[in-house]
Amino acid sequence: MEFFCYHRDRPGSVGLRHELVEAHWSYMDRFDRQLIARGPTFGEDGELSGSVHIVDLPDPAAARAFAFDEPGYQAGAYRDVLVHRWRNLLGRTMWDFPGGRTEGFLVLGLGSGSGADLDVPSGRDGDLIAFGSLLSDDGEAWLGTAALVRAPDADAARGVLTEERYAAVEVYEWEFGGRR
């Protein structure tokens, strides 16, 4: 099962995150083969704002353990963690992205109901690093869509979602992360 995990930084935690960088990498190295995508996010001010991990794990309990055992979470660096099942509509990892290692944007659309953007947007597949539906633990209820997008700016990245179909859409700068 694939899971989307987004650790959002607590204000003022950048120093703590930097202190924990080696512990974070050591922890993530244990999941190297299960990772579909990863990397830090940045706010409009250019400051570190969070960390995205899309990971293939056996079940929701393993996903929560992955998210909540992470050293930054354990040390109090994050204000919250979003953990949802994720449906990988591109069927690849970020390391398989034909555009190579690149910066981009995390576009996170949260919603409920019948769902939106349940298919890969036409004409955008060359810019999509990762794209998929956020789902309930049982995989039945649609909760939103998460995309990693190569785009010239946040507005262009936001355009990958049918924005009016979501209760909220968040866009963050994202940096390709990982040692693979």
C-alpha atoms as a PDB file:
ATOM      1  CA  MET A   1       0.000   0.000   0.000  1.00  0.00           C
ATOM      2  CA  GLU A   2       1.219   3.475  -0.802  1.00  0.00           C
ATOM      3  CA  PHE A   3       1.031   6.324   1.706  1.00  0.00           C
ATOM      4  CA  PHE A   4       1.508  10.081   1.504  1.00  0.00           C
ATOM      5  CA  CYS A   5       3.178  11.571   4.607  1.00  0.00           C
ATOM      6  CA  TYR A   6       3.641  15.297   5.001  1.00  0.00           C
ATOM      7  CA  HIS A   7       5.398  16.554   8.125  1.00  0.00           C
ATOM      8  CA  ARG A   8       4.668  20.288   8.509  1.00  0.00           C
ATOM      9  CA  ASP A   9       7.231  22.270  10.472  1.00  0.00           C
ATOM     10  CA  ARG A  10       6.509  23.932  13.771  1.00  0.00           C
ATOM     11  CA  PRO A  11       7.316  27.662  13.564  1.00  0.00           C
ATOM     12  CA  GLY A  12      10.891  28.310  14.675  1.00  0.00           C
ATOM     13  CA  SER A  13      11.985  24.675  14.283  1.00  0.00           C
ATOM     14  CA  VAL A  14      14.501  25.188  11.447  1.00  0.00           C
ATOM     15  CA  GLY A  15      17.477  25.023  13.843  1.00  0.00           C
ATOM     16  CA  LEU A  16      16.191  21.789  15.352  1.00  0.00           C
ATOM     17  CA  ARG A  17      15.637  20.319  11.883  1.00  0.00           C
ATOM     18  CA  HIS A  18      19.249  21.154  10.970  1.00  0.00           C
ATOM     19  CA  GLU A  19      20.521  19.531  14.186  1.00  0.00           C
ATOM     20  CA  LEU A  20      18.602  16.348  13.322  1.00  0.00           C
ATOM     21  CA  VAL A  21      19.538  16.093   9.649  1.00  0.00           C
ATOM     22  CA  GLU A  22      21.860  13.083  10.073  1.00  0.00           C
ATOM     23  CA  ALA A  23      19.380  11.270  12.323  1.00  0.00           C
ATOM     24  CA  HIS A  24      16.665  11.963   9.750  1.00  0.00           C
ATOM     25  CA  TRP A  25      18.784  10.595   6.878  1.00  0.00           C
ATOM     26  CA  SER A  26      19.784   7.514   8.870  1.00  0.00           C
ATOM     27  CA  TYR A  27      16.132   6.841   9.627  1.00  0.00           C
ATOM     28  CA  MET A  28      15.015   7.365   6.018  1.00  0.00           C
ATOM     29  CA  ASP A  29      17.818   5.177   4.674  1.00  0.00           C
ATOM     30  CA  ARG A  30      16.043   2.247   6.346  1.00  0.00           C
ATOM     31  CA  PHE A  31      13.121   2.825   3.936  1.00  0.00           C
ATOM     32  CA  ASP A  32      15.148   3.593   0.808  1.00  0.00           C
ATOM     33  CA  ARG A  33      13.607   0.853  -1.359  1.00  0.00           C
ATOM     34  CA  GLN A  34      10.043   1.638  -0.260  1.00  0.00           C
ATOM     35  CA  LEU A  35      10.190   5.360  -1.050  1.00  0.00           C
ATOM     36  CA  ILE A  36       8.292   6.616  -4.080  1.00  0.00           C
ATOM     37  CA  ALA A  37       9.101  10.297  -3.527  1.00  0.00           C
ATOM     38  CA  ARG A  38      10.634  12.519  -0.879  1.00  0.00           C
ATOM     39  CA  GLY A  39      11.960  15.976  -0.288  1.00  0.00           C
ATOM     40  CA  PRO A  40      11.683  19.156   1.745  1.00  0.00           C
ATOM     41  CA  THR A  41       9.134  21.903   1.143  1.00  0.00           C
ATOM     42  CA  PHE A  42       9.620  25.643   1.501  1.00  0.00           C
ATOM     43  CA  GLY A  43       7.208  28.483   2.247  1.00  0.00           C
ATOM     44  CA  GLU A  44       6.798  31.708   0.309  1.00  0.00           C
ATOM     45  CA  ASP A  45       9.604  33.206   2.411  1.00  0.00           C
ATOM     46  CA  GLY A  46      11.991  30.470   1.239  1.00  0.00           C
ATOM     47  CA  GLU A  47      12.202  28.957   4.733  1.00  0.00           C
ATOM     48  CA  LEU A  48      11.931  25.220   5.275  1.00  0.00           C
ATOM     49  CA  SER A  49       8.253  24.421   5.867  1.00  0.00           C
ATOM     50  CA  GLY A  50       7.984  20.636   5.877  1.00  0.00           C
ATOM     51  CA  SER A  51       9.005  17.290   4.489  1.00  0.00           C
ATOM     52  CA  VAL A  52       7.153  15.021   2.021  1.00  0.00           C
ATOM     53  CA  HIS A  53       7.538  11.256   1.911  1.00  0.00           C
ATOM     54  CA  ILE A  54       5.492   8.953  -0.304  1.00  0.00           C
ATOM     55  CA  VAL A  55       6.204   5.410   0.753  1.00  0.00           C
ATOM     56  CA  ASP A  56       5.043   1.861   0.056  1.00  0.00           C
ATOM     57  CA  LEU A  57       4.321   0.081   3.356  1.00  0.00           C
ATOM     58  CA  PRO A  58       2.246  -2.958   4.337  1.00  0.00           C
ATOM     59  CA  ASP A  59      -0.632  -1.192   6.121  1.00  0.00           C
ATOM     60  CA  PRO A  60      -1.861   2.003   7.815  1.00  0.00           C
ATOM     61  CA  ALA A  61      -0.249   1.053  11.141  1.00  0.00           C
ATOM     62  CA  ALA A  62       3.167   0.763   9.455  1.00  0.00           C
ATOM     63  CA  ALA A  63       2.607   4.142   7.776  1.00  0.00           C
ATOM     64  CA  ARG A  64       1.811   5.803  11.086  1.00  0.00           C
ATOM     65  CA  ALA A  65       4.871   4.203  12.692  1.00  0.00           C
ATOM     66  CA  PHE A  66       6.981   5.463   9.778  1.00  0.00           C
ATOM     67  CA  ALA A  67       5.635   9.016  10.190  1.00  0.00           C
ATOM     68  CA  PHE A  68       5.618   9.252  13.982  1.00  0.00           C
ATOM     69  CA  ASP A  69       8.919   7.461  14.675  1.00  0.00           C
ATOM     70  CA  GLU A  70      10.806   9.913  12.425  1.00  0.00           C
ATOM     71  CA  PRO A  71      13.454  11.706  14.562  1.00  0.00           C
ATOM     72  CA  GLY A  72      12.190  15.222  13.770  1.00  0.00           C
ATOM     73  CA  TYR A  73       8.692  14.287  14.866  1.00  0.00           C
ATOM     74  CA  GLN A  74      10.012  12.638  18.016  1.00  0.00           C
ATOM     75  CA  ALA A  75      11.994  15.799  18.856  1.00  0.00           C
ATOM     76  CA  GLY A  76       9.015  18.139  18.315  1.00  0.00           C
ATOM     77  CA  ALA A  77      10.098  19.785  15.048  1.00  0.00           C
ATOM     78  CA  TYR A  78       6.703  19.329  13.374  1.00  0.00           C
ATOM     79  CA  ARG A  79       3.387  20.996  14.159  1.00  0.00           C
ATOM     80  CA  ASP A  80       1.429  18.189  12.496  1.00  0.00           C
ATOM     81  CA  VAL A  81       1.695  15.216  10.190  1.00  0.00           C
ATOM     82  CA  LEU A  82      -0.699  14.346   7.390  1.00  0.00           C
ATOM     83  CA  VAL A  83      -0.789  10.595   6.671  1.00  0.00           C
ATOM     84  CA  HIS A  84      -3.141   9.201   4.011  1.00  0.00           C
ATOM     85  CA  ARG A  85      -3.234   6.260   1.660  1.00  0.00           C
ATOM     86  CA  TRP A  86      -2.152   7.357  -1.780  1.00  0.00           C
ATOM     87  CA  ARG A  87      -2.899   5.959  -5.227  1.00  0.00           C
ATOM     88  CA  ASN A  88       0.133   6.312  -7.511  1.00  0.00           C
ATOM     89  CA  LEU A  89      -1.509   7.253 -10.811  1.00  0.00           C
ATOM     90  CA  LEU A  90       1.830   7.536 -12.620  1.00  0.00           C
ATOM     91  CA  GLY A  91       3.060   4.100 -11.508  1.00  0.00           C
ATOM     92  CA  ARG A  92       6.639   5.258 -10.947  1.00  0.00           C
ATOM     93  CA  THR A  93       8.975   6.778  -8.393  1.00  0.00           C
ATOM     94  CA  MET A  94      10.396  10.287  -8.569  1.00  0.00           C
ATOM     95  CA  TRP A  95      13.738   8.727  -9.519  1.00  0.00           C
ATOM     96  CA  ASP A  96      12.031   7.397 -12.670  1.00  0.00           C
ATOM     97  CA  PHE A  97      10.764  10.867 -13.646  1.00  0.00           C
ATOM     98  CA  PRO A  98      12.001  11.456 -17.218  1.00  0.00           C
ATOM     99  CA  GLY A  99      12.890  15.067 -16.367  1.00  0.00           C
ATOM    100  CA  GLY A 100      15.590  13.940 -13.929  1.00  0.00           C
ATOM    101  CA  ARG A 101      16.402  15.547 -10.600  1.00  0.00           C
ATOM    102  CA  THR A 102      14.513  18.814 -10.485  1.00  0.00           C
ATOM    103  CA  GLU A 103      12.903  21.275  -8.151  1.00  0.00           C
ATOM    104  CA  GLY A 104       9.199  21.864  -8.314  1.00  0.00           C
ATOM    105  CA  PHE A 105       6.118  22.277  -6.194  1.00  0.00           C
ATOM    106  CA  LEU A 106       3.991  20.192  -3.876  1.00  0.00           C
ATOM    107  CA  VAL A 107       0.336  20.807  -4.721  1.00  0.00           C
ATOM    108  CA  LEU A 108      -1.987  19.464  -2.073  1.00  0.00           C
ATOM    109  CA  GLY A 109      -5.737  19.567  -2.688  1.00  0.00           C
ATOM    110  CA  LEU A 110      -7.929  18.496   0.221  1.00  0.00           C
ATOM    111  CA  GLY A 111     -11.582  17.614  -0.172  1.00  0.00           C
ATOM    112  CA  SER A 112     -14.261  14.995   0.283  1.00  0.00           C
ATOM    113  CA  GLY A 113     -17.107  13.465  -1.654  1.00  0.00           C
ATOM    114  CA  SER A 114     -17.046  11.990  -5.121  1.00  0.00           C
ATOM    115  CA  GLY A 115     -13.503  13.070  -5.869  1.00  0.00           C
ATOM    116  CA  ALA A 116     -11.659  15.212  -8.356  1.00  0.00           C
ATOM    117  CA  ASP A 117      -8.618  14.725 -10.558  1.00  0.00           C
ATOM    118  CA  LEU A 118      -8.944  10.948 -10.403  1.00  0.00           C
ATOM    119  CA  ASP A 119      -6.947  10.576 -13.618  1.00  0.00           C
ATOM    120  CA  VAL A 120      -3.631  12.008 -14.753  1.00  0.00           C
ATOM    121  CA  PRO A 121      -4.334  15.450 -16.260  1.00  0.00           C
ATOM    122  CA  SER A 122      -3.923  15.378 -20.026  1.00  0.00           C
ATOM    123  CA  GLY A 123      -0.984  17.313 -21.381  1.00  0.00           C
ATOM    124  CA  ARG A 124       0.710  17.565 -17.966  1.00  0.00           C
ATOM    125  CA  ASP A 125       2.384  14.149 -17.668  1.00  0.00           C
ATOM    126  CA  GLY A 126       5.779  15.595 -18.694  1.00  0.00           C
ATOM    127  CA  ASP A 127       5.641  17.944 -15.703  1.00  0.00           C
ATOM    128  CA  LEU A 128       4.281  15.487 -13.138  1.00  0.00           C
ATOM    129  CA  ILE A 129       6.911  13.996 -10.877  1.00  0.00           C
ATOM    130  CA  ALA A 130       4.302  12.258  -8.706  1.00  0.00           C
ATOM    131  CA  PHE A 131       0.507  12.398  -8.865  1.00  0.00           C
ATOM    132  CA  GLY A 132      -2.176  10.546  -6.967  1.00  0.00           C
ATOM    133  CA  SER A 133      -5.339  10.465  -4.919  1.00  0.00           C
ATOM    134  CA  LEU A 134      -5.340  10.775  -1.133  1.00  0.00           C
ATOM    135  CA  LEU A 135      -7.582   8.103   0.358  1.00  0.00           C
ATOM    136  CA  SER A 136      -8.955   6.863   3.667  1.00  0.00           C
ATOM    137  CA  ASP A 137      -7.155   3.999   5.400  1.00  0.00           C
ATOM    138  CA  ASP A 138      -9.444   1.441   3.742  1.00  0.00           C
ATOM    139  CA  GLY A 139      -8.873   3.041   0.318  1.00  0.00           C
ATOM    140  CA  GLU A 140     -12.588   3.686  -0.192  1.00  0.00           C
ATOM    141  CA  ALA A 141     -13.080   7.396   0.542  1.00  0.00           C
ATOM    142  CA  TRP A 142     -11.407  10.104  -1.539  1.00  0.00           C
ATOM    143  CA  LEU A 143      -9.816  12.819   0.632  1.00  0.00           C
ATOM    144  CA  GLY A 144      -7.895  14.828  -1.936  1.00  0.00           C
ATOM    145  CA  THR A 145      -5.017  14.789  -4.385  1.00  0.00           C
ATOM    146  CA  ALA A 146      -1.271  15.243  -3.940  1.00  0.00           C
ATOM    147  CA  ALA A 147       1.065  16.127  -6.786  1.00  0.00           C
ATOM    148  CA  LEU A 148       4.734  16.940  -7.169  1.00  0.00           C
ATOM    149  CA  VAL A 149       4.942  19.182 -10.218  1.00  0.00           C
ATOM    150  CA  ARG A 150       7.743  20.739 -12.228  1.00  0.00           C
ATOM    151  CA  ALA A 151       6.460  24.223 -13.065  1.00  0.00           C
ATOM    152  CA  PRO A 152       7.834  27.741 -13.576  1.00  0.00           C
ATOM    153  CA  ASP A 153       5.879  29.145 -10.622  1.00  0.00           C
ATOM    154  CA  ALA A 154       3.291  28.334  -7.955  1.00  0.00           C
ATOM    155  CA  ASP A 155       0.340  29.479 -10.077  1.00  0.00           C
ATOM    156  CA  ALA A 156       1.326  27.181 -12.926  1.00  0.00           C
ATOM    157  CA  ALA A 157       1.775  24.307 -10.464  1.00  0.00           C
ATOM    158  CA  ARG A 158      -1.632  25.002  -8.880  1.00  0.00           C
ATOM    159  CA  GLY A 159      -3.189  24.616 -12.338  1.00  0.00           C
ATOM    160  CA  VAL A 160      -2.587  20.858 -12.239  1.00  0.00           C
ATOM    161  CA  LEU A 161      -5.676  20.534 -10.009  1.00  0.00           C
ATOM    162  CA  THR A 162      -9.271  21.427 -10.714  1.00  0.00           C
ATOM    163  CA  GLU A 163      -9.116  23.910  -7.847  1.00  0.00           C
ATOM    164  CA  GLU A 164     -12.850  24.615  -7.499  1.00  0.00           C
ATOM    165  CA  ARG A 165     -13.414  20.944  -6.597  1.00  0.00           C
ATOM    166  CA  TYR A 166     -11.338  21.184  -3.383  1.00  0.00           C
ATOM    167  CA  ALA A 167     -12.078  22.636   0.054  1.00  0.00           C
ATOM    168  CA  ALA A 168      -8.464  23.849   0.193  1.00  0.00           C
ATOM    169  CA  VAL A 169      -5.441  23.848  -2.112  1.00  0.00           C
ATOM    170  CA  GLU A 170      -1.951  24.378  -0.721  1.00  0.00           C
ATOM    171  CA  VAL A 171       1.177  24.947  -2.833  1.00  0.00           C
ATOM    172  CA  TYR A 172       4.751  24.734  -1.520  1.00  0.00           C
ATOM    173  CA  GLU A 173       8.095  24.870  -3.240  1.00  0.00           C
ATOM    174  CA  TRP A 174       9.573  21.375  -3.203  1.00  0.00           C
ATOM    175  CA  GLU A 175      13.110  20.111  -3.656  1.00  0.00           C
ATOM    176  CA  PHE A 176      14.020  16.685  -5.047  1.00  0.00           C
ATOM    177  CA  GLY A 177      15.413  14.784  -2.071  1.00  0.00           C
ATOM    178  CA  GLY A 178      17.080  11.471  -1.746  1.00  0.00           C
ATOM    179  CA  ARG A 179      20.357   9.716  -2.152  1.00  0.00           C
ATOM    180  CA  ARG A 180      19.276   7.028  -4.618  1.00  0.00           C
END
